[in-house]
Protein backbone atom coordinates (compact mmCIF):
# COMPACT_ATOMS: atom_id res chain seq x y z
CA UNK A 1 32.38 22.48 5.45
CA UNK A 2 32.14 24.06 2.00
CA UNK A 3 35.09 23.52 -0.33
CA UNK A 4 35.51 25.71 -3.41
CA UNK A 5 38.46 24.64 -5.53
CA UNK A 6 40.53 27.10 -7.51
CA UNK A 7 40.82 25.04 -10.68
CA UNK A 8 43.23 27.47 -12.29
CA UNK A 9 45.69 27.32 -9.36
CA UNK A 10 45.33 23.56 -9.08
CA UNK A 11 46.01 23.18 -12.80
CA UNK A 12 49.17 25.28 -12.56
CA UNK A 13 50.54 23.02 -9.83
CA UNK A 14 49.24 19.76 -11.36
CA UNK A 15 47.06 18.88 -8.40
CA UNK A 16 43.90 16.83 -9.03
CA UNK A 17 40.58 17.40 -7.27
CA UNK A 18 40.68 13.83 -5.94
CA UNK A 19 43.94 14.64 -4.16
CA UNK A 20 42.37 17.57 -2.34
CA UNK A 21 39.31 15.52 -1.40
CA UNK A 22 41.52 12.73 -0.11
CA UNK A 23 43.56 15.09 2.08
CA UNK A 24 40.50 16.72 3.66
CA UNK A 25 38.67 13.42 4.11
CA UNK A 26 41.62 11.81 5.89
CA UNK A 27 42.26 14.89 8.01
CA UNK A 28 38.66 15.31 9.20
CA UNK A 29 37.04 11.88 8.89
CA UNK A 30 40.12 9.72 9.28
CA UNK A 31 41.52 6.84 7.27
CA UNK A 32 40.97 3.18 8.10
CA UNK A 33 44.41 1.57 8.22
CA UNK A 34 43.78 -1.82 9.82
CA UNK A 35 41.56 -3.82 12.15
CA UNK A 36 42.08 -5.46 15.51
CA UNK A 37 40.09 -8.28 17.08
CA UNK A 38 38.91 -8.27 20.68
CA UNK A 39 37.19 -11.57 21.30
CA UNK A 40 34.46 -11.82 18.69
CA UNK A 41 34.50 -8.08 18.02
CA UNK A 42 36.26 -6.51 15.05
CA UNK A 43 37.45 -2.97 15.84
CA UNK A 44 38.68 -0.67 13.05
CA UNK A 45 41.83 1.40 13.58
CA UNK A 46 41.49 4.94 12.20
CA UNK A 47 44.31 7.36 11.44
CA UNK A 48 43.58 11.10 11.39
CA UNK A 49 45.13 14.41 12.40
CA UNK A 50 45.08 15.63 15.99
CA UNK A 51 42.21 17.95 16.90
CA UNK A 52 44.33 21.14 16.78
CA UNK A 53 45.04 20.57 13.07
CA UNK A 54 41.39 19.99 12.01
CA UNK A 55 39.23 21.86 14.49
CA UNK A 56 38.84 25.04 12.42
CA UNK A 57 38.80 26.26 8.84
CA UNK A 58 42.04 28.13 9.42
CA UNK A 59 43.78 25.00 10.70
CA UNK A 60 42.68 23.02 7.66
CA UNK A 61 43.88 25.80 5.38
CA UNK A 62 47.39 25.43 6.77
CA UNK A 63 47.65 21.77 5.73
CA UNK A 64 50.51 21.04 3.36
CA UNK A 65 49.79 19.66 -0.12
CA UNK A 66 52.55 17.97 -2.09
CA UNK A 67 52.77 18.72 -5.82
CA UNK A 68 53.78 16.16 -8.50
CA UNK A 69 57.07 18.05 -8.99
CA UNK A 70 58.08 17.57 -5.35
CA UNK A 71 57.13 21.02 -4.15
CA UNK A 72 54.62 21.88 -1.45
CA UNK A 73 52.02 24.55 -0.77
CA UNK A 74 49.27 25.31 1.70
CA UNK A 75 45.77 23.97 1.13
CA UNK A 76 44.36 27.51 1.37
CA UNK A 77 46.42 28.46 -1.71
CA UNK A 78 44.35 26.23 -4.01
CA UNK A 79 40.94 25.95 -2.29
CA UNK A 80 38.57 28.23 -0.40
CA UNK A 81 37.24 26.68 2.81
CA UNK A 82 34.13 27.99 4.55
CA UNK A 83 31.96 26.74 7.37
CA UNK A 84 28.32 27.14 6.32
CA UNK A 85 24.92 25.78 7.30
CA UNK A 86 23.80 22.91 5.09
CA UNK A 87 22.10 19.51 5.03
CA UNK A 88 23.72 16.61 6.85
CA UNK A 89 23.07 14.37 3.87
CA UNK A 90 22.29 14.98 0.21
CA UNK A 91 20.09 12.36 -1.42
CA UNK A 92 19.11 12.04 -5.06
CA UNK A 93 16.40 10.25 -6.99
CA UNK A 94 16.42 10.03 -10.78
CA UNK A 95 19.42 12.36 -10.81
CA UNK A 96 17.58 15.09 -8.87
CA UNK A 97 18.34 16.29 -5.38
CA UNK A 98 15.64 15.65 -2.83
CA UNK A 99 14.94 16.56 0.78
CA UNK A 100 12.93 13.98 2.72
CA UNK A 101 10.35 15.01 5.30
CA UNK A 102 8.90 12.05 7.17
CA UNK A 103 5.85 11.80 9.41
CA UNK A 104 3.53 9.17 10.86
CA UNK A 105 -0.19 9.62 10.24
CA UNK A 106 -2.23 8.52 13.26
CA UNK A 107 -5.98 8.65 13.71
CA UNK A 108 -6.99 9.39 10.13
CA UNK A 109 -6.69 8.02 6.61
CA UNK A 110 -3.52 8.71 4.64
CA UNK A 111 -5.26 9.86 1.46
CA UNK A 112 -7.32 12.48 3.30
CA UNK A 113 -4.24 13.72 5.15
CA UNK A 114 -2.22 14.05 1.93
CA UNK A 115 -5.04 15.87 0.13
CA UNK A 116 -5.34 18.34 3.00
CA UNK A 117 -1.56 18.79 3.10
CA UNK A 118 -1.49 19.49 -0.64
CA UNK A 119 -4.11 22.20 -0.17
CA UNK A 120 -2.16 23.79 2.70
CA UNK A 121 1.06 23.81 0.67
CA UNK A 122 -0.70 25.34 -2.33
CA UNK A 123 -2.21 28.10 -0.17
CA UNK A 124 0.71 28.93 2.14
CA UNK A 125 4.00 27.86 0.51
CA UNK A 126 5.64 29.52 -2.48
CA UNK A 127 8.14 27.15 -4.04
CA UNK A 128 11.11 28.56 -5.98
CA UNK A 129 11.47 27.78 -9.65
CA UNK A 130 12.50 24.17 -10.23
CA UNK A 131 11.23 22.96 -6.85
CA UNK A 132 8.28 20.60 -6.47
CA UNK A 133 6.67 18.44 -3.79
CA UNK A 134 5.91 14.74 -4.20
CA UNK A 135 4.51 12.21 -1.74
CA UNK A 136 5.81 8.69 -1.24
CA UNK A 137 5.85 6.02 1.43
CA UNK A 138 2.54 4.41 2.36
CA UNK A 139 0.61 6.97 0.30
CA UNK A 140 2.52 6.02 -2.84
CA UNK A 141 2.06 2.31 -2.13
CA UNK A 142 -1.66 2.79 -1.54
CA UNK A 143 -2.04 4.80 -4.74
CA UNK A 144 -0.20 2.11 -6.70
CA UNK A 145 -2.36 -0.60 -5.14
CA UNK A 146 -5.52 1.37 -5.88
CA UNK A 147 -4.53 1.65 -9.53
CA UNK A 148 -4.06 -2.12 -9.66
CA UNK A 149 -7.40 -2.72 -7.96
CA UNK A 150 -9.15 -0.58 -10.57
CA UNK A 151 -7.90 -3.13 -13.10
CA UNK A 152 -8.13 -6.39 -11.15
CA UNK A 153 -11.52 -5.56 -9.57
CA UNK A 154 -13.53 -5.39 -12.81
CA UNK A 155 -11.52 -8.33 -14.15
CA UNK A 156 -12.47 -10.44 -11.11
CA UNK A 157 -16.14 -9.48 -11.46
CA UNK A 158 -16.07 -10.38 -15.15
CA UNK A 159 -14.52 -13.79 -14.50
CA UNK A 160 -16.99 -14.53 -11.71
CA UNK A 161 -19.91 -13.62 -13.96
CA UNK A 162 -18.54 -15.79 -16.76
CA UNK A 163 -18.23 -18.80 -14.45
CA UNK A 164 -21.75 -18.26 -13.10
CA UNK A 165 -23.18 -18.06 -16.60
CA UNK A 166 -21.39 -21.27 -17.59
CA UNK A 167 -22.75 -23.05 -14.50
CA UNK A 168 -26.38 -21.87 -14.49
CA UNK A 169 -26.72 -21.14 -18.23
CA UNK A 170 -29.07 -18.32 -17.29
CA UNK A 171 -28.32 -14.63 -17.68
CA UNK A 172 -31.01 -13.60 -15.19
CA UNK A 173 -29.81 -15.95 -12.45
CA UNK A 174 -26.18 -14.97 -13.01
CA UNK A 175 -27.09 -11.29 -12.68
CA UNK A 176 -29.18 -12.11 -9.62
CA UNK A 177 -26.21 -13.72 -7.91
CA UNK A 178 -23.91 -10.85 -8.89
CA UNK A 179 -26.43 -8.45 -7.38
CA UNK A 180 -25.73 -9.86 -3.92
CA UNK A 181 -22.16 -8.52 -3.93
CA UNK A 182 -23.21 -5.00 -2.78
CA UNK A 183 -25.00 -6.65 0.15
CA UNK A 184 -21.60 -7.78 1.43
CA UNK A 185 -20.08 -4.35 0.89
CA UNK A 186 -22.68 -2.85 3.24
CA UNK A 187 -21.44 -4.84 6.22
CA UNK A 188 -17.79 -4.33 5.34
CA UNK A 189 -18.15 -0.55 5.11
CA UNK A 190 -20.25 -0.25 8.28
CA UNK A 191 -17.92 -2.39 10.41
CA UNK A 192 -14.82 -0.68 9.01
CA UNK A 193 -16.25 2.69 10.05
CA UNK A 194 -17.50 1.42 13.43
CA UNK A 195 -14.11 0.00 14.42
CA UNK A 196 -12.23 3.18 13.51
CA UNK A 197 -10.22 1.75 10.64
CA UNK A 198 -9.75 3.53 7.33
CA UNK A 199 -9.73 2.40 3.73
CA UNK A 200 -6.22 1.06 3.22
CA UNK A 201 -4.54 -1.43 0.93
CA UNK A 202 -5.46 -4.39 3.12
CA UNK A 203 -9.06 -3.16 3.47
CA UNK A 204 -9.30 -2.88 -0.32
CA UNK A 205 -8.05 -6.45 -0.64
CA UNK A 206 -10.77 -7.46 1.81
CA UNK A 207 -13.43 -5.98 -0.46
CA UNK A 208 -11.98 -7.88 -3.42
CA UNK A 209 -12.10 -11.09 -1.37
CA UNK A 210 -15.79 -10.42 -0.74
CA UNK A 211 -16.43 -10.70 -4.49
CA UNK A 212 -16.04 -14.45 -4.24
CA UNK A 213 -17.04 -15.08 -0.63
CA UNK A 214 -20.33 -13.17 -0.76
CA UNK A 215 -21.80 -15.09 -3.70
CA UNK A 216 -21.21 -18.50 -2.12
CA UNK A 217 -24.50 -18.41 -0.20
CA UNK A 218 -26.36 -17.18 -3.28
CA UNK A 219 -25.02 -20.06 -5.36
CA UNK A 220 -26.07 -22.58 -2.70
CA UNK A 221 -29.61 -21.19 -2.53
CA UNK A 222 -30.29 -20.70 -6.24
CA UNK A 223 -28.79 -24.04 -7.16
CA UNK A 224 -31.10 -25.77 -4.68
CA UNK A 225 -34.10 -23.73 -5.84
CA UNK A 226 -33.44 -24.92 -9.40
CA UNK A 227 -33.04 -28.49 -8.23
CA UNK A 228 -36.41 -28.45 -6.43
CA UNK A 229 -38.15 -26.94 -9.44
CA UNK A 230 -36.69 -29.65 -11.67
CA UNK A 231 -38.23 -32.18 -9.29
CA UNK A 232 -41.64 -30.67 -10.02
CA UNK A 233 -42.20 -28.30 -7.10
CA UNK A 234 -43.98 -25.01 -7.84
CA UNK A 235 -41.90 -21.83 -7.80
CA UNK A 236 -42.97 -20.41 -4.43
CA UNK A 237 -42.98 -23.81 -2.75
CA UNK A 238 -39.47 -24.52 -4.05
CA UNK A 239 -38.21 -21.18 -2.70
CA UNK A 240 -39.75 -21.66 0.76
CA UNK A 241 -38.61 -25.28 1.03
CA UNK A 242 -35.13 -24.50 -0.30
CA UNK A 243 -34.64 -21.56 2.08
CA UNK A 244 -35.56 -23.73 5.07
CA UNK A 245 -33.39 -26.66 4.07
CA UNK A 246 -30.35 -24.56 3.18
CA UNK A 247 -30.55 -22.28 6.22
CA UNK A 248 -28.33 -24.51 8.36
CA UNK A 249 -25.54 -24.97 5.74
CA UNK A 250 -25.50 -21.23 5.06
CA UNK A 251 -25.33 -20.40 8.79
CA UNK A 252 -22.60 -22.96 9.46
CA UNK A 253 -20.46 -21.78 6.55
CA UNK A 254 -20.81 -18.13 7.50
CA UNK A 255 -20.21 -18.63 11.23
CA UNK A 256 -17.10 -20.75 10.63
CA UNK A 257 -15.73 -18.11 8.25
CA UNK A 258 -16.36 -15.37 10.82
CA UNK A 259 -14.78 -17.38 13.65
CA UNK A 260 -11.70 -17.96 11.52
CA UNK A 261 -11.29 -14.19 11.14
CA UNK A 262 -11.52 -13.42 14.88
CA UNK A 263 -7.85 -14.29 15.71
CA UNK A 264 -6.68 -12.03 12.88
CA UNK A 265 -8.97 -9.23 14.05
CA UNK A 266 -7.78 -9.47 17.68
CA UNK A 267 -4.08 -10.03 16.90
CA UNK A 268 -1.57 -7.66 18.50
CA UNK A 269 1.76 -8.92 17.14
CA UNK A 270 3.95 -7.49 14.38
CA UNK A 271 2.02 -6.99 11.14
CA UNK A 272 -1.38 -7.04 12.86
CA UNK A 273 -2.06 -3.44 11.85
CA UNK A 274 -2.01 -4.61 8.21
CA UNK A 275 -4.14 -7.72 8.74
CA UNK A 276 -6.85 -6.19 10.95
CA UNK A 277 -8.59 -4.02 8.31
CA UNK A 278 -8.82 -7.00 5.95
CA UNK A 279 -10.33 -9.19 8.69
CA UNK A 280 -12.80 -6.47 9.70
CA UNK A 281 -14.01 -5.93 6.12
CA UNK A 282 -14.47 -9.65 5.42
CA UNK A 283 -16.09 -10.26 8.83
CA UNK A 284 -18.69 -7.52 8.37
CA UNK A 285 -19.22 -8.35 4.71
CA UNK A 286 -19.81 -12.05 5.31
CA UNK A 287 -22.31 -11.31 8.09
CA UNK A 288 -24.35 -8.76 6.14
CA UNK A 289 -24.22 -10.95 3.04
CA UNK A 290 -25.65 -13.89 4.97
CA UNK A 291 -28.48 -11.92 6.59
CA UNK A 292 -29.51 -9.90 3.55
CA UNK A 293 -29.10 -12.77 1.10
CA UNK A 294 -31.44 -15.01 3.11
CA UNK A 295 -34.05 -12.23 3.12
CA UNK A 296 -33.71 -10.53 -0.26
CA UNK A 297 -32.50 -13.26 -2.62
CA UNK A 298 -35.55 -15.59 -2.33
CA UNK A 299 -37.91 -12.67 -3.00
CA UNK A 300 -35.91 -11.52 -6.02
CA UNK A 301 -35.72 -15.09 -7.31
CA UNK A 302 -39.52 -15.40 -7.19
CA UNK A 303 -39.97 -12.04 -8.95
CA UNK A 304 -37.51 -12.82 -11.75
CA UNK A 305 -38.49 -16.44 -12.34
CA UNK A 306 -42.24 -15.77 -12.20
CA UNK A 307 -41.83 -13.16 -14.92
CA UNK A 308 -39.90 -15.59 -17.09
CA UNK A 309 -42.50 -18.30 -16.42
CA UNK A 310 -45.26 -15.95 -17.58
CA UNK A 311 -43.34 -15.05 -20.74
CA UNK A 312 -42.69 -18.71 -21.52
CA UNK A 313 -46.35 -19.61 -20.96
CA UNK A 314 -47.46 -16.77 -23.27
CA UNK A 315 -45.03 -18.00 -25.91
CA UNK A 316 -46.39 -21.53 -25.68
CA UNK A 317 -49.99 -20.24 -25.94
CA UNK A 318 -49.16 -18.21 -29.04
């Protein structure tokens, strides 16, 4: 129902716009006058005109409006009523009208869907002047979370490196431990793809969690290698002995971590769709980190430390 008020006619009769709105609202929508109780239920009592007085534009136009001077006139004398097609609800954001179009994305990642949709709109839809399209919901939340991760991710890596350097007091060993982080990412990415999940907010948090989890095994190994060398063992002997002796603790820690993630991975209750990608990423990352760290880290440790040993021996000779 479109209402166009004749402000000039309303001004002549001293009728306010709120008066007209009140008359039409009570006639069509009704007016809540009281409430009655039926058991534990509270039922509102509405007062409105019979159907024959509100079922058409013409019937509404014949409604009587009282003027402040005591006179009366028909509603059609001061407003123009029309029945037109229009939205059921008008919503605004930041003072601008908006029309919401909602959809559920199934079977693909949200970012890829939105990028494809943007391309389709740009190619096939001509928007009038002043109109624009924006995307919200989960896409907006994911974009906001991604922006935060771009800040917190490097910050977390920097803090981890600082702590490692303070513990080992060796730049080479700190960098060696940090180099094992991509080994965890390999398993997380592969398992995420294999299980059909996509990169989401929870999956991104899983990768951040791998920053700290993945270097645990490296710290255990390198710390023990250093301890054996301080006891007088040669480099290669210390690496072989340390790898054998620390194999069981590394396996136990990794397996227990993976078993703890299984209930989250297999959960089916409310909220499980958010938790599963995180569990999958950490599960795959911890496994690949364990396997590749046990194979690659000892070899890299020997290469790096043997080079430093040669440089130190040359310095002593000079």
